[in-house]
Amino acid sequence: VQAVRRPYGPERLRPSVVALVEGVADQVAIILGRYFDRSAATGSA
């Protein structure tokens, strides 16, 4: 029942996570979603 009733909507990153990624712009940082799609990344990443 739980497997059927779990419709996933679009993923949203918390503002704190976005700020963290933006704060390390000189480093490689990638945030992956539940389907291993890229949700956020720094320019160097």
Full PDB file with SEQRES, HELIX, SHEET, SSBOND, CRYST1, ORIGX, SCALE, CONECT and MASTER records, all heavy atoms in Angstrom:
SEQRES   1 A   45  VAL GLN ALA VAL ARG ARG PRO TYR GLY PRO GLU ARG LEU          
SEQRES   2 A   45  ARG PRO SER VAL VAL ALA LEU VAL GLU GLY VAL ALA ASP          
SEQRES   3 A   45  GLN VAL ALA ILE ILE LEU GLY ARG TYR PHE ASP ARG SER          
SEQRES   4 A   45  ALA ALA THR GLY SER ALA                                      
HELIX    1 AA1 PRO A   15  GLY A   23  1                                   9    
SHEET    1 AA1 2 ILE A  30  LEU A  32  0                                        
SHEET    2 AA1 2 ARG A  38  ALA A  41 -1                                        
CRYST1    1.000    1.000    1.000  90.00  90.00  90.00 P 1           1          
ORIGX1      1.000000  0.000000  0.000000        0.00000                         
ORIGX2      0.000000  1.000000  0.000000        0.00000                         
ORIGX3      0.000000  0.000000  1.000000        0.00000                         
SCALE1      1.000000  0.000000  0.000000        0.00000                         
SCALE2      0.000000  1.000000  0.000000        0.00000                         
SCALE3      0.000000  0.000000  1.000000        0.00000                         
ATOM      1  N   VAL A   1       0.838  -1.200   0.000  1.00  0.00           N  
ATOM      2  CA  VAL A   1       0.000   0.000   0.000  1.00  0.00           C  
ATOM      3  C   VAL A   1       0.869   1.246   0.000  1.00  0.00           C  
ATOM      4  O   VAL A   1       0.622   2.184  -0.745  1.00  0.00           O  
ATOM      5  CB  VAL A   1      -0.947   0.001   1.224  1.00  0.00           C  
ATOM      6  CG1 VAL A   1      -1.626   1.344   1.388  1.00  0.00           C  
ATOM      7  CG2 VAL A   1      -1.979  -1.098   1.094  1.00  0.00           C  
ATOM      8  N   GLN A   2       1.925   1.263   0.813  1.00  0.00           N  
ATOM      9  CA  GLN A   2       2.792   2.427   0.863  1.00  0.00           C  
ATOM     10  C   GLN A   2       3.532   2.623  -0.451  1.00  0.00           C  
ATOM     11  O   GLN A   2       3.755   3.743  -0.871  1.00  0.00           O  
ATOM     12  CB  GLN A   2       3.789   2.290   2.010  1.00  0.00           C  
ATOM     13  CG  GLN A   2       3.146   2.487   3.361  1.00  0.00           C  
ATOM     14  CD  GLN A   2       4.131   2.302   4.499  1.00  0.00           C  
ATOM     15  OE1 GLN A   2       5.231   1.800   4.302  1.00  0.00           O  
ATOM     16  NE2 GLN A   2       3.726   2.690   5.681  1.00  0.00           N  
ATOM     17  N   ALA A   3       3.894   1.543  -1.109  1.00  0.00           N  
ATOM     18  CA  ALA A   3       4.600   1.666  -2.380  1.00  0.00           C  
ATOM     19  C   ALA A   3       3.703   2.286  -3.439  1.00  0.00           C  
ATOM     20  O   ALA A   3       4.159   3.047  -4.278  1.00  0.00           O  
ATOM     21  CB  ALA A   3       5.097   0.297  -2.840  1.00  0.00           C  
ATOM     22  N   VAL A   4       2.430   2.011  -3.389  1.00  0.00           N  
ATOM     23  CA  VAL A   4       1.497   2.549  -4.369  1.00  0.00           C  
ATOM     24  C   VAL A   4       1.133   3.996  -4.055  1.00  0.00           C  
ATOM     25  O   VAL A   4       0.969   4.806  -4.939  1.00  0.00           O  
ATOM     26  CB  VAL A   4       0.215   1.675  -4.412  1.00  0.00           C  
ATOM     27  CG1 VAL A   4      -0.851   2.316  -5.264  1.00  0.00           C  
ATOM     28  CG2 VAL A   4       0.548   0.292  -4.923  1.00  0.00           C  
ATOM     29  N   ARG A   5       1.053   4.346  -2.788  1.00  0.00           N  
ATOM     30  CA  ARG A   5       0.560   5.662  -2.381  1.00  0.00           C  
ATOM     31  C   ARG A   5       1.641   6.726  -2.252  1.00  0.00           C  
ATOM     32  O   ARG A   5       1.405   7.744  -1.642  1.00  0.00           O  
ATOM     33  CB  ARG A   5      -0.148   5.538  -1.030  1.00  0.00           C  
ATOM     34  CG  ARG A   5      -1.425   4.781  -1.106  1.00  0.00           C  
ATOM     35  CD  ARG A   5      -2.118   4.828   0.209  1.00  0.00           C  
ATOM     36  NE  ARG A   5      -3.319   4.021   0.187  1.00  0.00           N  
ATOM     37  CZ  ARG A   5      -4.084   3.813   1.219  1.00  0.00           C  
ATOM     38  NH1 ARG A   5      -3.781   4.352   2.382  1.00  0.00           N  
ATOM     39  NH2 ARG A   5      -5.157   3.066   1.124  1.00  0.00           N  
ATOM     40  N   ARG A   6       2.779   6.525  -2.808  1.00  0.00           N  
ATOM     41  CA  ARG A   6       3.845   7.505  -2.660  1.00  0.00           C  
ATOM     42  C   ARG A   6       4.079   8.289  -3.938  1.00  0.00           C  
ATOM     43  O   ARG A   6       5.079   8.101  -4.614  1.00  0.00           O  
ATOM     44  CB  ARG A   6       5.146   6.818  -2.278  1.00  0.00           C  
ATOM     45  CG  ARG A   6       5.223   6.386  -0.872  1.00  0.00           C  
ATOM     46  CD  ARG A   6       6.628   5.944  -0.611  1.00  0.00           C  
ATOM     47  NE  ARG A   6       6.777   5.479   0.731  1.00  0.00           N  
ATOM     48  CZ  ARG A   6       7.858   4.924   1.196  1.00  0.00           C  
ATOM     49  NH1 ARG A   6       8.885   4.757   0.403  1.00  0.00           N  
ATOM     50  NH2 ARG A   6       7.929   4.527   2.433  1.00  0.00           N  
ATOM     51  N   PRO A   7       3.197   9.171  -4.284  1.00  0.00           N  
ATOM     52  CA  PRO A   7       3.477   9.981  -5.471  1.00  0.00           C  
ATOM     53  C   PRO A   7       4.530  11.038  -5.126  1.00  0.00           C  
ATOM     54  O   PRO A   7       4.396  11.747  -4.138  1.00  0.00           O  
ATOM     55  CB  PRO A   7       2.122  10.622  -5.784  1.00  0.00           C  
ATOM     56  CG  PRO A   7       1.437  10.697  -4.470  1.00  0.00           C  
ATOM     57  CD  PRO A   7       1.930   9.510  -3.671  1.00  0.00           C  
ATOM     58  N   TYR A   8       5.569  11.067  -5.884  1.00  0.00           N  
ATOM     59  CA  TYR A   8       6.627  12.034  -5.626  1.00  0.00           C  
ATOM     60  C   TYR A   8       6.412  13.262  -6.482  1.00  0.00           C  
ATOM     61  O   TYR A   8       6.243  13.174  -7.684  1.00  0.00           O  
ATOM     62  CB  TYR A   8       8.001  11.440  -5.934  1.00  0.00           C  
ATOM     63  CG  TYR A   8       8.421  10.378  -4.965  1.00  0.00           C  
ATOM     64  CD1 TYR A   8       8.604   9.074  -5.374  1.00  0.00           C  
ATOM     65  CD2 TYR A   8       8.631  10.687  -3.639  1.00  0.00           C  
ATOM     66  CE1 TYR A   8       9.010   8.101  -4.479  1.00  0.00           C  
ATOM     67  CE2 TYR A   8       9.033   9.713  -2.732  1.00  0.00           C  
ATOM     68  CZ  TYR A   8       9.229   8.435  -3.164  1.00  0.00           C  
ATOM     69  OH  TYR A   8       9.624   7.482  -2.283  1.00  0.00           O  
ATOM     70  N   GLY A   9       6.441  14.384  -5.840  1.00  0.00           N  
ATOM     71  CA  GLY A   9       6.372  15.644  -6.558  1.00  0.00           C  
ATOM     72  C   GLY A   9       7.783  16.111  -6.871  1.00  0.00           C  
ATOM     73  O   GLY A   9       8.760  15.404  -6.619  1.00  0.00           O  
ATOM     74  N   PRO A  10       7.884  17.291  -7.404  1.00  0.00           N  
ATOM     75  CA  PRO A  10       9.219  17.808  -7.712  1.00  0.00           C  
ATOM     76  C   PRO A  10      10.018  18.017  -6.429  1.00  0.00           C  
ATOM     77  O   PRO A  10       9.480  18.402  -5.393  1.00  0.00           O  
ATOM     78  CB  PRO A  10       8.937  19.132  -8.411  1.00  0.00           C  
ATOM     79  CG  PRO A  10       7.546  19.484  -8.047  1.00  0.00           C  
ATOM     80  CD  PRO A  10       6.830  18.214  -7.743  1.00  0.00           C  
ATOM     81  N   GLU A  11      11.277  17.730  -6.506  1.00  0.00           N  
ATOM     82  CA  GLU A  11      12.142  17.916  -5.336  1.00  0.00           C  
ATOM     83  C   GLU A  11      12.492  19.392  -5.197  1.00  0.00           C  
ATOM     84  O   GLU A  11      12.722  20.082  -6.178  1.00  0.00           O  
ATOM     85  CB  GLU A  11      13.414  17.101  -5.489  1.00  0.00           C  
ATOM     86  CG  GLU A  11      13.171  15.625  -5.393  1.00  0.00           C  
ATOM     87  CD  GLU A  11      14.460  14.853  -5.491  1.00  0.00           C  
ATOM     88  OE1 GLU A  11      14.974  14.742  -6.614  1.00  0.00           O  
ATOM     89  OE2 GLU A  11      14.931  14.388  -4.459  1.00  0.00           O  
ATOM     90  N   ARG A  12      12.536  19.815  -3.949  1.00  0.00           N  
ATOM     91  CA  ARG A  12      12.923  21.193  -3.661  1.00  0.00           C  
ATOM     92  C   ARG A  12      14.020  21.171  -2.615  1.00  0.00           C  
ATOM     93  O   ARG A  12      13.897  20.492  -1.602  1.00  0.00           O  
ATOM     94  CB  ARG A  12      11.725  21.972  -3.139  1.00  0.00           C  
ATOM     95  CG  ARG A  12      10.667  22.168  -4.189  1.00  0.00           C  
ATOM     96  CD  ARG A  12       9.571  23.107  -3.698  1.00  0.00           C  
ATOM     97  NE  ARG A  12       8.587  23.303  -4.747  1.00  0.00           N  
ATOM     98  CZ  ARG A  12       7.516  22.557  -4.922  1.00  0.00           C  
ATOM     99  NH1 ARG A  12       7.287  21.556  -4.109  1.00  0.00           N  
ATOM    100  NH2 ARG A  12       6.670  22.798  -5.886  1.00  0.00           N  
ATOM    101  N   LEU A  13      15.066  21.900  -2.888  1.00  0.00           N  
ATOM    102  CA  LEU A  13      16.145  22.007  -1.922  1.00  0.00           C  
ATOM    103  C   LEU A  13      15.810  23.084  -0.899  1.00  0.00           C  
ATOM    104  O   LEU A  13      15.237  24.122  -1.236  1.00  0.00           O  
ATOM    105  CB  LEU A  13      17.451  22.377  -2.618  1.00  0.00           C  
ATOM    106  CG  LEU A  13      18.036  21.322  -3.538  1.00  0.00           C  
ATOM    107  CD1 LEU A  13      19.269  21.866  -4.231  1.00  0.00           C  
ATOM    108  CD2 LEU A  13      18.374  20.068  -2.776  1.00  0.00           C  
ATOM    109  N   ARG A  14      16.171  22.809   0.336  1.00  0.00           N  
ATOM    110  CA  ARG A  14      15.989  23.824   1.371  1.00  0.00           C  
ATOM    111  C   ARG A  14      16.915  24.988   1.068  1.00  0.00           C  
ATOM    112  O   ARG A  14      18.030  24.794   0.552  1.00  0.00           O  
ATOM    113  CB  ARG A  14      16.312  23.243   2.743  1.00  0.00           C  
ATOM    114  CG  ARG A  14      15.203  22.326   3.228  1.00  0.00           C  
ATOM    115  CD  ARG A  14      15.540  21.805   4.591  1.00  0.00           C  
ATOM    116  NE  ARG A  14      16.239  20.540   4.356  1.00  0.00           N  
ATOM    117  CZ  ARG A  14      17.116  20.000   5.162  1.00  0.00           C  
ATOM    118  NH1 ARG A  14      17.432  20.571   6.283  1.00  0.00           N  
ATOM    119  NH2 ARG A  14      17.690  18.862   4.861  1.00  0.00           N  
ATOM    120  N   PRO A  15      16.476  26.196   1.374  1.00  0.00           N  
ATOM    121  CA  PRO A  15      17.336  27.368   1.127  1.00  0.00           C  
ATOM    122  C   PRO A  15      18.708  27.246   1.787  1.00  0.00           C  
ATOM    123  O   PRO A  15      19.705  27.717   1.245  1.00  0.00           O  
ATOM    124  CB  PRO A  15      16.537  28.525   1.726  1.00  0.00           C  
ATOM    125  CG  PRO A  15      15.110  28.071   1.671  1.00  0.00           C  
ATOM    126  CD  PRO A  15      15.158  26.578   1.879  1.00  0.00           C  
ATOM    127  N   SER A  16      18.779  26.591   2.937  1.00  0.00           N  
ATOM    128  CA  SER A  16      20.071  26.439   3.616  1.00  0.00           C  
ATOM    129  C   SER A  16      21.027  25.569   2.799  1.00  0.00           C  
ATOM    130  O   SER A  16      22.238  25.810   2.780  1.00  0.00           O  
ATOM    131  CB  SER A  16      19.869  25.848   5.017  1.00  0.00           C  
ATOM    132  OG  SER A  16      19.232  24.583   4.926  1.00  0.00           O  
ATOM    133  N   VAL A  17      20.495  24.567   2.099  1.00  0.00           N  
ATOM    134  CA  VAL A  17      21.343  23.706   1.265  1.00  0.00           C  
ATOM    135  C   VAL A  17      21.832  24.476   0.046  1.00  0.00           C  
ATOM    136  O   VAL A  17      23.002  24.397  -0.332  1.00  0.00           O  
ATOM    137  CB  VAL A  17      20.584  22.421   0.843  1.00  0.00           C  
ATOM    138  CG1 VAL A  17      21.404  21.597  -0.128  1.00  0.00           C  
ATOM    139  CG2 VAL A  17      20.205  21.611   2.068  1.00  0.00           C  
ATOM    140  N   VAL A  18      20.948  25.251  -0.559  1.00  0.00           N  
ATOM    141  CA  VAL A  18      21.343  26.082  -1.706  1.00  0.00           C  
ATOM    142  C   VAL A  18      22.419  27.073  -1.284  1.00  0.00           C  
ATOM    143  O   VAL A  18      23.425  27.259  -1.978  1.00  0.00           O  
ATOM    144  CB  VAL A  18      20.116  26.809  -2.296  1.00  0.00           C  
ATOM    145  CG1 VAL A  18      20.541  27.782  -3.382  1.00  0.00           C  
ATOM    146  CG2 VAL A  18      19.115  25.798  -2.843  1.00  0.00           C  
ATOM    147  N   ALA A  19      22.238  27.692  -0.115  1.00  0.00           N  
ATOM    148  CA  ALA A  19      23.228  28.651   0.385  1.00  0.00           C  
ATOM    149  C   ALA A  19      24.567  27.967   0.636  1.00  0.00           C  
ATOM    150  O   ALA A  19      25.627  28.540   0.363  1.00  0.00           O  
ATOM    151  CB  ALA A  19      22.721  29.310   1.663  1.00  0.00           C  
ATOM    152  N   LEU A  20      24.536  26.738   1.137  1.00  0.00           N  
ATOM    153  CA  LEU A  20      25.765  25.993   1.381  1.00  0.00           C  
ATOM    154  C   LEU A  20      26.516  25.741   0.080  1.00  0.00           C  
ATOM    155  O   LEU A  20      27.726  25.959  -0.014  1.00  0.00           O  
ATOM    156  CB  LEU A  20      25.445  24.667   2.066  1.00  0.00           C  
ATOM    157  CG  LEU A  20      26.623  23.755   2.361  1.00  0.00           C  
ATOM    158  CD1 LEU A  20      27.527  24.381   3.412  1.00  0.00           C  
ATOM    159  CD2 LEU A  20      26.134  22.400   2.825  1.00  0.00           C  
ATOM    160  N   VAL A  21      25.807  25.317  -0.945  1.00  0.00           N  
ATOM    161  CA  VAL A  21      26.444  25.056  -2.244  1.00  0.00           C  
ATOM    162  C   VAL A  21      26.974  26.355  -2.843  1.00  0.00           C  
ATOM    163  O   VAL A  21      28.094  26.398  -3.360  1.00  0.00           O  
ATOM    164  CB  VAL A  21      25.449  24.362  -3.207  1.00  0.00           C  
ATOM    165  CG1 VAL A  21      26.022  24.287  -4.613  1.00  0.00           C  
ATOM    166  CG2 VAL A  21      25.103  22.976  -2.692  1.00  0.00           C  
ATOM    167  N   GLU A  22      26.197  27.409  -2.762  1.00  0.00           N  
ATOM    168  CA  GLU A  22      26.648  28.686  -3.304  1.00  0.00           C  
ATOM    169  C   GLU A  22      27.839  29.240  -2.529  1.00  0.00           C  
ATOM    170  O   GLU A  22      28.664  29.971  -3.072  1.00  0.00           O  
ATOM    171  CB  GLU A  22      25.502  29.691  -3.296  1.00  0.00           C  
ATOM    172  CG  GLU A  22      24.429  29.357  -4.311  1.00  0.00           C  
ATOM    173  CD  GLU A  22      23.209  30.248  -4.194  1.00  0.00           C  
ATOM    174  OE1 GLU A  22      23.098  31.011  -3.209  1.00  0.00           O  
ATOM    175  OE2 GLU A  22      22.352  30.175  -5.102  1.00  0.00           O  
ATOM    176  N   GLY A  23      27.946  28.882  -1.258  1.00  0.00           N  
ATOM    177  CA  GLY A  23      29.027  29.380  -0.424  1.00  0.00           C  
ATOM    178  C   GLY A  23      30.369  28.724  -0.686  1.00  0.00           C  
ATOM    179  O   GLY A  23      31.402  29.220  -0.243  1.00  0.00           O  
ATOM    180  N   VAL A  24      30.394  27.625  -1.380  1.00  0.00           N  
ATOM    181  CA  VAL A  24      31.653  26.936  -1.697  1.00  0.00           C  
ATOM    182  C   VAL A  24      31.896  26.963  -3.202  1.00  0.00           C  
ATOM    183  O   VAL A  24      32.263  25.965  -3.804  1.00  0.00           O  
ATOM    184  CB  VAL A  24      31.663  25.486  -1.148  1.00  0.00           C  
ATOM    185  CG1 VAL A  24      31.665  25.473   0.351  1.00  0.00           C  
ATOM    186  CG2 VAL A  24      30.507  24.672  -1.701  1.00  0.00           C  
ATOM    187  N   ALA A  25      31.729  28.117  -3.792  1.00  0.00           N  
ATOM    188  CA  ALA A  25      31.817  28.248  -5.246  1.00  0.00           C  
ATOM    189  C   ALA A  25      33.189  27.849  -5.788  1.00  0.00           C  
ATOM    190  O   ALA A  25      33.302  27.416  -6.933  1.00  0.00           O  
ATOM    191  CB  ALA A  25      31.492  29.681  -5.659  1.00  0.00           C  
ATOM    192  N   ASP A  26      34.245  27.977  -4.978  1.00  0.00           N  
ATOM    193  CA  ASP A  26      35.577  27.618  -5.458  1.00  0.00           C  
ATOM    194  C   ASP A  26      35.869  26.122  -5.310  1.00  0.00           C  
ATOM    195  O   ASP A  26      36.929  25.649  -5.688  1.00  0.00           O  
ATOM    196  CB  ASP A  26      36.639  28.435  -4.726  1.00  0.00           C  
ATOM    197  CG  ASP A  26      36.589  28.227  -3.221  1.00  0.00           C  
ATOM    198  OD1 ASP A  26      35.491  27.939  -2.698  1.00  0.00           O  
ATOM    199  OD2 ASP A  26      37.640  28.362  -2.576  1.00  0.00           O  
ATOM    200  N   GLN A  27      34.924  25.360  -4.762  1.00  0.00           N  
ATOM    201  CA  GLN A  27      35.063  23.917  -4.583  1.00  0.00           C  
ATOM    202  C   GLN A  27      34.074  23.181  -5.486  1.00  0.00           C  
ATOM    203  O   GLN A  27      33.141  23.769  -5.996  1.00  0.00           O  
ATOM    204  CB  GLN A  27      34.781  23.531  -3.125  1.00  0.00           C  
ATOM    205  CG  GLN A  27      35.685  24.199  -2.122  1.00  0.00           C  
ATOM    206  CD  GLN A  27      37.120  23.733  -2.252  1.00  0.00           C  
ATOM    207  OE1 GLN A  27      37.368  22.556  -2.463  1.00  0.00           O  
ATOM    208  NE2 GLN A  27      38.059  24.652  -2.140  1.00  0.00           N  
ATOM    209  N   VAL A  28      34.289  21.900  -5.645  1.00  0.00           N  
ATOM    210  CA  VAL A  28      33.352  21.074  -6.402  1.00  0.00           C  
ATOM    211  C   VAL A  28      32.288  20.566  -5.429  1.00  0.00           C  
ATOM    212  O   VAL A  28      32.598  19.914  -4.442  1.00  0.00           O  
ATOM    213  CB  VAL A  28      34.064  19.880  -7.075  1.00  0.00           C  
ATOM    214  CG1 VAL A  28      33.049  18.963  -7.743  1.00  0.00           C  
ATOM    215  CG2 VAL A  28      35.087  20.377  -8.072  1.00  0.00           C  
ATOM    216  N   ALA A  29      31.039  20.906  -5.705  1.00  0.00           N  
ATOM    217  CA  ALA A  29      29.923  20.440  -4.873  1.00  0.00           C  
ATOM    218  C   ALA A  29      28.751  20.105  -5.780  1.00  0.00           C  
ATOM    219  O   ALA A  29      28.375  20.889  -6.647  1.00  0.00           O  
ATOM    220  CB  ALA A  29      29.518  21.511  -3.871  1.00  0.00           C  
ATOM    221  N   ILE A  30      28.196  18.914  -5.583  1.00  0.00           N  
ATOM    222  CA  ILE A  30      27.058  18.464  -6.369  1.00  0.00           C  
ATOM    223  C   ILE A  30      26.020  17.896  -5.413  1.00  0.00           C  
ATOM    224  O   ILE A  30      26.344  17.087  -4.553  1.00  0.00           O  
ATOM    225  CB  ILE A  30      27.460  17.379  -7.389  1.00  0.00           C  
ATOM    226  CG1 ILE A  30      28.521  17.904  -8.347  1.00  0.00           C  
ATOM    227  CG2 ILE A  30      26.243  16.887  -8.170  1.00  0.00           C  
ATOM    228  CD1 ILE A  30      29.100  16.841  -9.253  1.00  0.00           C  
ATOM    229  N   ILE A  31      24.770  18.303  -5.575  1.00  0.00           N  
ATOM    230  CA  ILE A  31      23.665  17.753  -4.803  1.00  0.00           C  
ATOM    231  C   ILE A  31      22.837  16.910  -5.762  1.00  0.00           C  
ATOM    232  O   ILE A  31      22.349  17.410  -6.772  1.00  0.00           O  
ATOM    233  CB  ILE A  31      22.770  18.862  -4.193  1.00  0.00           C  
ATOM    234  CG1 ILE A  31      23.600  19.845  -3.372  1.00  0.00           C  
ATOM    235  CG2 ILE A  31      21.648  18.245  -3.386  1.00  0.00           C  
ATOM    236  CD1 ILE A  31      24.231  19.255  -2.146  1.00  0.00           C  
ATOM    237  N   LEU A  32      22.706  15.616  -5.456  1.00  0.00           N  
ATOM    238  CA  LEU A  32      21.934  14.708  -6.301  1.00  0.00           C  
ATOM    239  C   LEU A  32      20.555  14.485  -5.709  1.00  0.00           C  
ATOM    240  O   LEU A  32      20.399  14.380  -4.495  1.00  0.00           O  
ATOM    241  CB  LEU A  32      22.656  13.367  -6.447  1.00  0.00           C  
ATOM    242  CG  LEU A  32      24.027  13.409  -7.112  1.00  0.00           C  
ATOM    243  CD1 LEU A  32      24.645  12.029  -7.116  1.00  0.00           C  
ATOM    244  CD2 LEU A  32      23.935  13.970  -8.510  1.00  0.00           C  
ATOM    245  N   GLY A  33      19.570  14.353  -6.591  1.00  0.00           N  
ATOM    246  CA  GLY A  33      18.208  14.072  -6.172  1.00  0.00           C  
ATOM    247  C   GLY A  33      17.980  12.589  -5.981  1.00  0.00           C  
ATOM    248  O   GLY A  33      18.891  11.770  -6.120  1.00  0.00           O  
ATOM    249  N   ARG A  34      16.750  12.231  -5.664  1.00  0.00           N  
ATOM    250  CA  ARG A  34      16.430  10.826  -5.369  1.00  0.00           C  
ATOM    251  C   ARG A  34      16.628   9.920  -6.568  1.00  0.00           C  
ATOM    252  O   ARG A  34      16.802   8.720  -6.429  1.00  0.00           O  
ATOM    253  CB  ARG A  34      15.007  10.702  -4.835  1.00  0.00           C  
ATOM    254  CG  ARG A  34      13.912  10.835  -5.856  1.00  0.00           C  
ATOM    255  CD  ARG A  34      12.537  10.543  -5.272  1.00  0.00           C  
ATOM    256  NE  ARG A  34      12.094  11.539  -4.340  1.00  0.00           N  
ATOM    257  CZ  ARG A  34      11.426  12.635  -4.658  1.00  0.00           C  
ATOM    258  NH1 ARG A  34      11.127  12.865  -5.909  1.00  0.00           N  
ATOM    259  NH2 ARG A  34      11.070  13.501  -3.748  1.00  0.00           N  
ATOM    260  N   TYR A  35      16.596  10.470  -7.771  1.00  0.00           N  
ATOM    261  CA  TYR A  35      16.818   9.674  -8.979  1.00  0.00           C  
ATOM    262  C   TYR A  35      18.202   9.934  -9.566  1.00  0.00           C  
ATOM    263  O   TYR A  35      18.444   9.700 -10.729  1.00  0.00           O  
ATOM    264  CB  TYR A  35      15.735   9.970 -10.017  1.00  0.00           C  
ATOM    265  CG  TYR A  35      14.360   9.622  -9.511  1.00  0.00           C  
ATOM    266  CD1 TYR A  35      13.419  10.611  -9.263  1.00  0.00           C  
ATOM    267  CD2 TYR A  35      14.005   8.312  -9.241  1.00  0.00           C  
ATOM    268  CE1 TYR A  35      12.154  10.292  -8.781  1.00  0.00           C  
ATOM    269  CE2 TYR A  35      12.753   7.987  -8.755  1.00  0.00           C  
ATOM    270  CZ  TYR A  35      11.832   8.978  -8.527  1.00  0.00           C  
ATOM    271  OH  TYR A  35      10.594   8.659  -8.041  1.00  0.00           O  
ATOM    272  N   PHE A  36      19.098  10.417  -8.714  1.00  0.00           N  
ATOM    273  CA  PHE A  36      20.474  10.716  -9.078  1.00  0.00           C  
ATOM    274  C   PHE A  36      20.581  11.765 -10.175  1.00  0.00           C  
ATOM    275  O   PHE A  36      21.541  11.797 -10.933  1.00  0.00           O  
ATOM    276  CB  PHE A  36      21.250   9.440  -9.453  1.00  0.00           C  
ATOM    277  CG  PHE A  36      21.353   8.486  -8.311  1.00  0.00           C  
ATOM    278  CD1 PHE A  36      20.529   7.375  -8.254  1.00  0.00           C  
ATOM    279  CD2 PHE A  36      22.236   8.709  -7.284  1.00  0.00           C  
ATOM    280  CE1 PHE A  36      20.592   6.500  -7.178  1.00  0.00           C  
ATOM    281  CE2 PHE A  36      22.304   7.850  -6.207  1.00  0.00           C  
ATOM    282  CZ  PHE A  36      21.488   6.740  -6.148  1.00  0.00           C  
ATOM    283  N   ASP A  37      19.570  12.619 -10.248  1.00  0.00           N  
ATOM    284  CA  ASP A  37      19.662  13.765 -11.134  1.00  0.00           C  
ATOM    285  C   ASP A  37      20.300  14.911 -10.349  1.00  0.00           C  
ATOM    286  O   ASP A  37      20.237  14.961  -9.136  1.00  0.00           O  
ATOM    287  CB  ASP A  37      18.291  14.166 -11.677  1.00  0.00           C  
ATOM    288  CG  ASP A  37      17.292  14.424 -10.565  1.00  0.00           C  
ATOM    289  OD1 ASP A  37      17.397  13.756  -9.522  1.00  0.00           O  
ATOM    290  OD2 ASP A  37      16.414  15.267 -10.731  1.00  0.00           O  
ATOM    291  N   ARG A  38      20.933  15.811 -11.042  1.00  0.00           N  
ATOM    292  CA  ARG A  38      21.626  16.903 -10.371  1.00  0.00           C  
ATOM    293  C   ARG A  38      20.622  17.977  -9.976  1.00  0.00           C  
ATOM    294  O   ARG A  38      19.973  18.576 -10.822  1.00  0.00           O  
ATOM    295  CB  ARG A  38      22.700  17.477 -11.288  1.00  0.00           C  
ATOM    296  CG  ARG A  38      23.586  18.484 -10.596  1.00  0.00           C  
ATOM    297  CD  ARG A  38      24.789  18.856 -11.408  1.00  0.00           C  
ATOM    298  NE  ARG A  38      24.389  19.311 -12.730  1.00  0.00           N  
ATOM    299  CZ  ARG A  38      25.190  19.321 -13.764  1.00  0.00           C  
ATOM    300  NH1 ARG A  38      26.410  18.888 -13.661  1.00  0.00           N  
ATOM    301  NH2 ARG A  38      24.766  19.746 -14.934  1.00  0.00           N  
ATOM    302  N   SER A  39      20.506  18.222  -8.674  1.00  0.00           N  
ATOM    303  CA  SER A  39      19.586  19.231  -8.168  1.00  0.00           C  
ATOM    304  C   SER A  39      20.274  20.579  -8.019  1.00  0.00           C  
ATOM    305  O   SER A  39      19.641  21.615  -8.155  1.00  0.00           O  
ATOM    306  CB  SER A  39      19.018  18.807  -6.806  1.00  0.00           C  
ATOM    307  OG  SER A  39      18.257  17.633  -6.947  1.00  0.00           O  
ATOM    308  N   ALA A  40      21.551  20.562  -7.709  1.00  0.00           N  
ATOM    309  CA  ALA A  40      22.322  21.792  -7.565  1.00  0.00           C  
ATOM    310  C   ALA A  40      23.793  21.456  -7.735  1.00  0.00           C  
ATOM    311  O   ALA A  40      24.220  20.331  -7.493  1.00  0.00           O  
ATOM    312  CB  ALA A  40      22.085  22.423  -6.194  1.00  0.00           C  
ATOM    313  N   ALA A  41      24.553  22.441  -8.169  1.00  0.00           N  
ATOM    314  CA  ALA A  41      25.992  22.236  -8.330  1.00  0.00           C  
ATOM    315  C   ALA A  41      26.681  23.578  -8.385  1.00  0.00           C  
ATOM    316  O   ALA A  41      26.090  24.585  -8.770  1.00  0.00           O  
ATOM    317  CB  ALA A  41      26.291  21.450  -9.605  1.00  0.00           C  
ATOM    318  N   THR A  42      27.944  23.585  -7.999  1.00  0.00           N  
ATOM    319  CA  THR A  42      28.746  24.796  -8.136  1.00  0.00           C  
ATOM    320  C   THR A  42      29.221  24.896  -9.579  1.00  0.00           C  
ATOM    321  O   THR A  42      29.172  23.920 -10.336  1.00  0.00           O  
ATOM    322  CB  THR A  42      29.970  24.749  -7.199  1.00  0.00           C  
ATOM    323  OG1 THR A  42      30.747  23.606  -7.532  1.00  0.00           O  
ATOM    324  CG2 THR A  42      29.562  24.707  -5.746  1.00  0.00           C  
ATOM    325  N   GLY A  43      29.703  26.055  -9.943  1.00  0.00           N  
ATOM    326  CA  GLY A  43      30.208  26.246 -11.304  1.00  0.00           C  
ATOM    327  C   GLY A  43      31.352  25.305 -11.632  1.00  0.00           C  
ATOM    328  O   GLY A  43      31.429  24.754 -12.726  1.00  0.00           O  
ATOM    329  N   SER A  44      32.252  25.097 -10.665  1.00  0.00           N  
ATOM    330  CA  SER A  44      33.380  24.203 -10.929  1.00  0.00           C  
ATOM    331  C   SER A  44      32.925  22.761 -11.079  1.00  0.00           C  
ATOM    332  O   SER A  44      33.495  21.995 -11.856  1.00  0.00           O  
ATOM    333  CB  SER A  44      34.426  24.330  -9.815  1.00  0.00           C  
ATOM    334  OG  SER A  44      33.845  24.123  -8.556  1.00  0.00           O  
ATOM    335  N   ALA A  45      31.875  22.386 -10.390  1.00  0.00           N  
ATOM    336  CA  ALA A  45      31.326  21.020 -10.547  1.00  0.00           C  
ATOM    337  C   ALA A  45      30.699  20.857 -11.918  1.00  0.00           C  
ATOM    338  O   ALA A  45      30.816  19.806 -12.529  1.00  0.00           O  
ATOM    339  CB  ALA A  45      30.310  20.728  -9.449  1.00  0.00           C  
TER     340      ALA A  45                                                      
MASTER        0    0    0    1    2    0    0    6  339    1    0    4          
END                                                                             
